[in-house]
Amino acid sequence: MAIHLTPTELARECGLERRDVIAKCMELGVPIFQGRIDKTLFFASIEDARQARLEPARATA
């Protein structure tokens, strides 16, 4: 099971387009090293961003 994937491979795994994976990496600060992305770091960064987006909504409710 590979952990470091190309943007195309990662896009297949998470159901996004390749360019969206690259855009998310840029947005979230996930490094692309030698054309590969750490899958664990990518998914953890997306989850952290989702949690950060939801927390202010909970504070106002």
PDB file of N, CA and C in Angstrom:
ATOM      1  N   MET A   1       0.848  -1.184   0.000  1.00  0.00           N
ATOM      2  CA  MET A   1       0.000   0.000   0.000  1.00  0.00           C
ATOM      3  C   MET A   1       0.889   1.242   0.000  1.00  0.00           C
ATOM      4  N   ALA A   2       0.792   2.025  -1.046  1.00  0.00           N
ATOM      5  CA  ALA A   2       1.624   3.213  -1.201  1.00  0.00           C
ATOM      6  C   ALA A   2       1.080   4.366  -0.367  1.00  0.00           C
ATOM      7  N   ILE A   3       1.991   5.126   0.184  1.00  0.00           N
ATOM      8  CA  ILE A   3       1.604   6.300   0.959  1.00  0.00           C
ATOM      9  C   ILE A   3       1.857   7.564   0.152  1.00  0.00           C
ATOM     10  N   HIS A   4       2.899   7.566  -0.659  1.00  0.00           N
ATOM     11  CA  HIS A   4       3.231   8.731  -1.472  1.00  0.00           C
ATOM     12  C   HIS A   4       2.713   8.494  -2.888  1.00  0.00           C
ATOM     13  N   LEU A   5       1.730   9.306  -3.275  1.00  0.00           N
ATOM     14  CA  LEU A   5       1.054   9.099  -4.551  1.00  0.00           C
ATOM     15  C   LEU A   5       1.217  10.312  -5.462  1.00  0.00           C
ATOM     16  N   THR A   6       1.084  10.073  -6.750  1.00  0.00           N
ATOM     17  CA  THR A   6       1.049  11.184  -7.697  1.00  0.00           C
ATOM     18  C   THR A   6      -0.306  11.878  -7.553  1.00  0.00           C
ATOM     19  N   PRO A   7      -0.410  13.108  -8.021  1.00  0.00           N
ATOM     20  CA  PRO A   7      -1.710  13.780  -7.956  1.00  0.00           C
ATOM     21  C   PRO A   7      -2.821  12.990  -8.663  1.00  0.00           C
ATOM     22  N   THR A   8      -2.503  12.331  -9.750  1.00  0.00           N
ATOM     23  CA  THR A   8      -3.497  11.534 -10.479  1.00  0.00           C
ATOM     24  C   THR A   8      -3.965  10.353  -9.637  1.00  0.00           C
ATOM     25  N   GLU A   9      -3.027   9.645  -9.014  1.00  0.00           N
ATOM     26  CA  GLU A   9      -3.384   8.503  -8.169  1.00  0.00           C
ATOM     27  C   GLU A   9      -4.216   8.944  -6.968  1.00  0.00           C
ATOM     28  N   LEU A  10      -3.824  10.049  -6.361  1.00  0.00           N
ATOM     29  CA  LEU A  10      -4.551  10.560  -5.204  1.00  0.00           C
ATOM     30  C   LEU A  10      -5.945  11.030  -5.599  1.00  0.00           C
ATOM     31  N   ALA A  11      -6.056  11.631  -6.765  1.00  0.00           N
ATOM     32  CA  ALA A  11      -7.368  12.069  -7.252  1.00  0.00           C
ATOM     33  C   ALA A  11      -8.306  10.883  -7.415  1.00  0.00           C
ATOM     34  N   ARG A  12      -7.797   9.780  -7.929  1.00  0.00           N
ATOM     35  CA  ARG A  12      -8.623   8.566  -8.070  1.00  0.00           C
ATOM     36  C   ARG A  12      -9.102   8.070  -6.713  1.00  0.00           C
ATOM     37  N   GLU A  13      -8.229   8.123  -5.719  1.00  0.00           N
ATOM     38  CA  GLU A  13      -8.589   7.610  -4.390  1.00  0.00           C
ATOM     39  C   GLU A  13      -9.623   8.466  -3.679  1.00  0.00           C
ATOM     40  N   CYS A  14      -9.581   9.772  -3.882  1.00  0.00           N
ATOM     41  CA  CYS A  14     -10.500  10.624  -3.128  1.00  0.00           C
ATOM     42  C   CYS A  14     -11.627  11.191  -3.978  1.00  0.00           C
ATOM     43  N   GLY A  15     -11.709  10.817  -5.232  1.00  0.00           N
ATOM     44  CA  GLY A  15     -12.834  11.232  -6.065  1.00  0.00           C
ATOM     45  C   GLY A  15     -12.792  12.675  -6.522  1.00  0.00           C
ATOM     46  N   LEU A  16     -11.608  13.235  -6.614  1.00  0.00           N
ATOM     47  CA  LEU A  16     -11.443  14.601  -7.104  1.00  0.00           C
ATOM     48  C   LEU A  16     -10.767  14.585  -8.467  1.00  0.00           C
ATOM     49  N   GLU A  17     -10.711  15.731  -9.087  1.00  0.00           N
ATOM     50  CA  GLU A  17      -9.931  15.902 -10.305  1.00  0.00           C
ATOM     51  C   GLU A  17      -8.477  16.156  -9.905  1.00  0.00           C
ATOM     52  N   ARG A  18      -7.567  15.825 -10.790  1.00  0.00           N
ATOM     53  CA  ARG A  18      -6.134  16.010 -10.522  1.00  0.00           C
ATOM     54  C   ARG A  18      -5.826  17.464 -10.168  1.00  0.00           C
ATOM     55  N   ARG A  19      -6.368  18.395 -10.923  1.00  0.00           N
ATOM     56  CA  ARG A  19      -6.091  19.814 -10.664  1.00  0.00           C
ATOM     57  C   ARG A  19      -6.655  20.261  -9.317  1.00  0.00           C
ATOM     58  N   ASP A  20      -7.768  19.645  -8.872  1.00  0.00           N
ATOM     59  CA  ASP A  20      -8.332  19.971  -7.564  1.00  0.00           C
ATOM     60  C   ASP A  20      -7.432  19.478  -6.436  1.00  0.00           C
ATOM     61  N   VAL A  21      -6.810  18.315  -6.624  1.00  0.00           N
ATOM     62  CA  VAL A  21      -5.863  17.797  -5.634  1.00  0.00           C
ATOM     63  C   VAL A  21      -4.686  18.757  -5.501  1.00  0.00           C
ATOM     64  N   ILE A  22      -4.160  19.206  -6.617  1.00  0.00           N
ATOM     65  CA  ILE A  22      -3.022  20.135  -6.603  1.00  0.00           C
ATOM     66  C   ILE A  22      -3.437  21.457  -5.959  1.00  0.00           C
ATOM     67  N   ALA A  23      -4.623  21.942  -6.281  1.00  0.00           N
ATOM     68  CA  ALA A  23      -5.115  23.187  -5.693  1.00  0.00           C
ATOM     69  C   ALA A  23      -5.276  23.061  -4.178  1.00  0.00           C
ATOM     70  N   LYS A  24      -5.790  21.923  -3.717  1.00  0.00           N
ATOM     71  CA  LYS A  24      -5.943  21.692  -2.273  1.00  0.00           C
ATOM     72  C   LYS A  24      -4.578  21.657  -1.594  1.00  0.00           C
ATOM     73  N   CYS A  25      -3.613  21.039  -2.236  1.00  0.00           N
ATOM     74  CA  CYS A  25      -2.264  21.009  -1.672  1.00  0.00           C
ATOM     75  C   CYS A  25      -1.713  22.418  -1.516  1.00  0.00           C
ATOM     76  N   MET A  26      -1.898  23.238  -2.520  1.00  0.00           N
ATOM     77  CA  MET A  26      -1.425  24.621  -2.467  1.00  0.00           C
ATOM     78  C   MET A  26      -2.162  25.388  -1.371  1.00  0.00           C
ATOM     79  N   GLU A  27      -3.467  25.213  -1.303  1.00  0.00           N
ATOM     80  CA  GLU A  27      -4.299  25.916  -0.328  1.00  0.00           C
ATOM     81  C   GLU A  27      -3.960  25.514   1.109  1.00  0.00           C
ATOM     82  N   LEU A  28      -3.737  24.229   1.335  1.00  0.00           N
ATOM     83  CA  LEU A  28      -3.534  23.711   2.684  1.00  0.00           C
ATOM     84  C   LEU A  28      -2.065  23.583   3.075  1.00  0.00           C
ATOM     85  N   GLY A  29      -1.172  23.860   2.150  1.00  0.00           N
ATOM     86  CA  GLY A  29       0.257  23.792   2.462  1.00  0.00           C
ATOM     87  C   GLY A  29       0.819  22.385   2.506  1.00  0.00           C
ATOM     88  N   VAL A  30       0.188  21.470   1.785  1.00  0.00           N
ATOM     89  CA  VAL A  30       0.683  20.094   1.717  1.00  0.00           C
ATOM     90  C   VAL A  30       1.760  20.049   0.634  1.00  0.00           C
ATOM     91  N   PRO A  31       2.966  19.635   0.979  1.00  0.00           N
ATOM     92  CA  PRO A  31       4.040  19.646  -0.018  1.00  0.00           C
ATOM     93  C   PRO A  31       3.872  18.566  -1.085  1.00  0.00           C
ATOM     94  N   ILE A  32       4.279  18.912  -2.287  1.00  0.00           N
ATOM     95  CA  ILE A  32       4.375  17.951  -3.382  1.00  0.00           C
ATOM     96  C   ILE A  32       5.868  17.822  -3.640  1.00  0.00           C
ATOM     97  N   PHE A  33       6.428  16.686  -3.252  1.00  0.00           N
ATOM     98  CA  PHE A  33       7.866  16.476  -3.334  1.00  0.00           C
ATOM     99  C   PHE A  33       8.168  15.453  -4.410  1.00  0.00           C
ATOM    100  N   GLN A  34       8.930  15.874  -5.407  1.00  0.00           N
ATOM    101  CA  GLN A  34       9.289  15.027  -6.544  1.00  0.00           C
ATOM    102  C   GLN A  34       8.051  14.402  -7.190  1.00  0.00           C
ATOM    103  N   GLY A  35       6.999  15.210  -7.306  1.00  0.00           N
ATOM    104  CA  GLY A  35       5.782  14.767  -7.979  1.00  0.00           C
ATOM    105  C   GLY A  35       4.910  13.831  -7.167  1.00  0.00           C
ATOM    106  N   ARG A  36       5.173  13.693  -5.886  1.00  0.00           N
ATOM    107  CA  ARG A  36       4.400  12.792  -5.024  1.00  0.00           C
ATOM    108  C   ARG A  36       3.844  13.553  -3.829  1.00  0.00           C
ATOM    109  N   ILE A  37       2.690  13.092  -3.353  1.00  0.00           N
ATOM    110  CA  ILE A  37       2.010  13.706  -2.219  1.00  0.00           C
ATOM    111  C   ILE A  37       1.814  12.636  -1.151  1.00  0.00           C
ATOM    112  N   ASP A  38       2.079  12.989   0.088  1.00  0.00           N
ATOM    113  CA  ASP A  38       1.842  12.078   1.201  1.00  0.00           C
ATOM    114  C   ASP A  38       0.333  11.993   1.432  1.00  0.00           C
ATOM    115  N   LYS A  39      -0.216  10.819   1.172  1.00  0.00           N
ATOM    116  CA  LYS A  39      -1.667  10.615   1.259  1.00  0.00           C
ATOM    117  C   LYS A  39      -2.183  10.880   2.672  1.00  0.00           C
ATOM    118  N   THR A  40      -1.469  10.420   3.669  1.00  0.00           N
ATOM    119  CA  THR A  40      -1.897  10.600   5.051  1.00  0.00           C
ATOM    120  C   THR A  40      -1.937  12.079   5.417  1.00  0.00           C
ATOM    121  N   LEU A  41      -0.912  12.817   5.042  1.00  0.00           N
ATOM    122  CA  LEU A  41      -0.864  14.248   5.322  1.00  0.00           C
ATOM    123  C   LEU A  41      -1.973  14.987   4.567  1.00  0.00           C
ATOM    124  N   PHE A  42      -2.219  14.602   3.330  1.00  0.00           N
ATOM    125  CA  PHE A  42      -3.266  15.231   2.527  1.00  0.00           C
ATOM    126  C   PHE A  42      -4.632  15.059   3.189  1.00  0.00           C
ATOM    127  N   PHE A  43      -4.976  13.828   3.551  1.00  0.00           N
ATOM    128  CA  PHE A  43      -6.279  13.573   4.168  1.00  0.00           C
ATOM    129  C   PHE A  43      -6.389  14.219   5.549  1.00  0.00           C
ATOM    130  N   ALA A  44      -5.304  14.221   6.320  1.00  0.00           N
ATOM    131  CA  ALA A  44      -5.325  14.868   7.634  1.00  0.00           C
ATOM    132  C   ALA A  44      -5.514  16.382   7.489  1.00  0.00           C
ATOM    133  N   SER A  45      -4.878  16.977   6.501  1.00  0.00           N
ATOM    134  CA  SER A  45      -5.013  18.418   6.274  1.00  0.00           C
ATOM    135  C   SER A  45      -6.428  18.779   5.858  1.00  0.00           C
ATOM    136  N   ILE A  46      -7.036  17.959   5.025  1.00  0.00           N
ATOM    137  CA  ILE A  46      -8.420  18.207   4.622  1.00  0.00           C
ATOM    138  C   ILE A  46      -9.352  18.093   5.829  1.00  0.00           C
ATOM    139  N   GLU A  47      -9.134  17.093   6.653  1.00  0.00           N
ATOM    140  CA  GLU A  47      -9.969  16.908   7.846  1.00  0.00           C
ATOM    141  C   GLU A  47      -9.800  18.079   8.821  1.00  0.00           C
ATOM    142  N   ASP A  48      -8.566  18.548   9.019  1.00  0.00           N
ATOM    143  CA  ASP A  48      -8.329  19.697   9.890  1.00  0.00           C
ATOM    144  C   ASP A  48      -9.032  20.942   9.366  1.00  0.00           C
ATOM    145  N   ALA A  49      -8.974  21.158   8.055  1.00  0.00           N
ATOM    146  CA  ALA A  49      -9.629  22.317   7.459  1.00  0.00           C
ATOM    147  C   ALA A  49     -11.146  22.213   7.622  1.00  0.00           C
ATOM    148  N   ARG A  50     -11.669  21.008   7.472  1.00  0.00           N
ATOM    149  CA  ARG A  50     -13.113  20.808   7.637  1.00  0.00           C
ATOM    150  C   ARG A  50     -13.523  21.082   9.081  1.00  0.00           C
ATOM    151  N   GLN A  51     -12.743  20.597  10.031  1.00  0.00           N
ATOM    152  CA  GLN A  51     -13.045  20.829  11.439  1.00  0.00           C
ATOM    153  C   GLN A  51     -12.967  22.316  11.773  1.00  0.00           C
ATOM    154  N   ALA A  52     -11.972  23.002  11.265  1.00  0.00           N
ATOM    155  CA  ALA A  52     -11.819  24.433  11.522  1.00  0.00           C
ATOM    156  C   ALA A  52     -12.987  25.221  10.944  1.00  0.00           C
ATOM    157  N   ARG A  53     -13.501  24.757   9.813  1.00  0.00           N
ATOM    158  CA  ARG A  53     -14.639  25.431   9.192  1.00  0.00           C
ATOM    159  C   ARG A  53     -15.913  25.197   9.998  1.00  0.00           C
ATOM    160  N   LEU A  54     -16.056  24.039  10.613  1.00  0.00           N
ATOM    161  CA  LEU A  54     -17.263  23.703  11.363  1.00  0.00           C
ATOM    162  C   LEU A  54     -17.268  24.301  12.771  1.00  0.00           C
ATOM    163  N   GLU A  55     -16.120  24.474  13.381  1.00  0.00           N
ATOM    164  CA  GLU A  55     -16.053  24.941  14.767  1.00  0.00           C
ATOM    165  C   GLU A  55     -16.667  26.320  14.964  1.00  0.00           C
ATOM    166  N   PRO A  56     -16.428  27.325  14.124  1.00  0.00           N
ATOM    167  CA  PRO A  56     -17.079  28.625  14.335  1.00  0.00           C
ATOM    168  C   PRO A  56     -18.612  28.521  14.246  1.00  0.00           C
ATOM    169  N   ALA A  57     -19.101  27.639  13.418  1.00  0.00           N
ATOM    170  CA  ALA A  57     -20.552  27.469  13.297  1.00  0.00           C
ATOM    171  C   ALA A  57     -21.133  26.912  14.593  1.00  0.00           C
ATOM    172  N   ARG A  58     -20.407  26.045  15.244  1.00  0.00           N
ATOM    173  CA  ARG A  58     -20.873  25.467  16.515  1.00  0.00           C
ATOM    174  C   ARG A  58     -20.854  26.505  17.626  1.00  0.00           C
ATOM    175  N   ALA A  59     -19.909  27.419  17.589  1.00  0.00           N
ATOM    176  CA  ALA A  59     -19.798  28.432  18.633  1.00  0.00           C
ATOM    177  C   ALA A  59     -20.979  29.406  18.593  1.00  0.00           C
ATOM    178  N   THR A  60     -21.508  29.662  17.420  1.00  0.00           N
ATOM    179  CA  THR A  60     -22.624  30.590  17.291  1.00  0.00           C
ATOM    180  C   THR A  60     -23.968  29.927  17.514  1.00  0.00           C
ATOM    181  N   ALA A  61     -24.007  28.613  17.464  1.00  0.00           N
ATOM    182  CA  ALA A  61     -25.290  27.910  17.618  1.00  0.00           C
ATOM    183  C   ALA A  61     -25.684  27.754  19.058  1.00  0.00           C
TER     184      ALA A  61
END
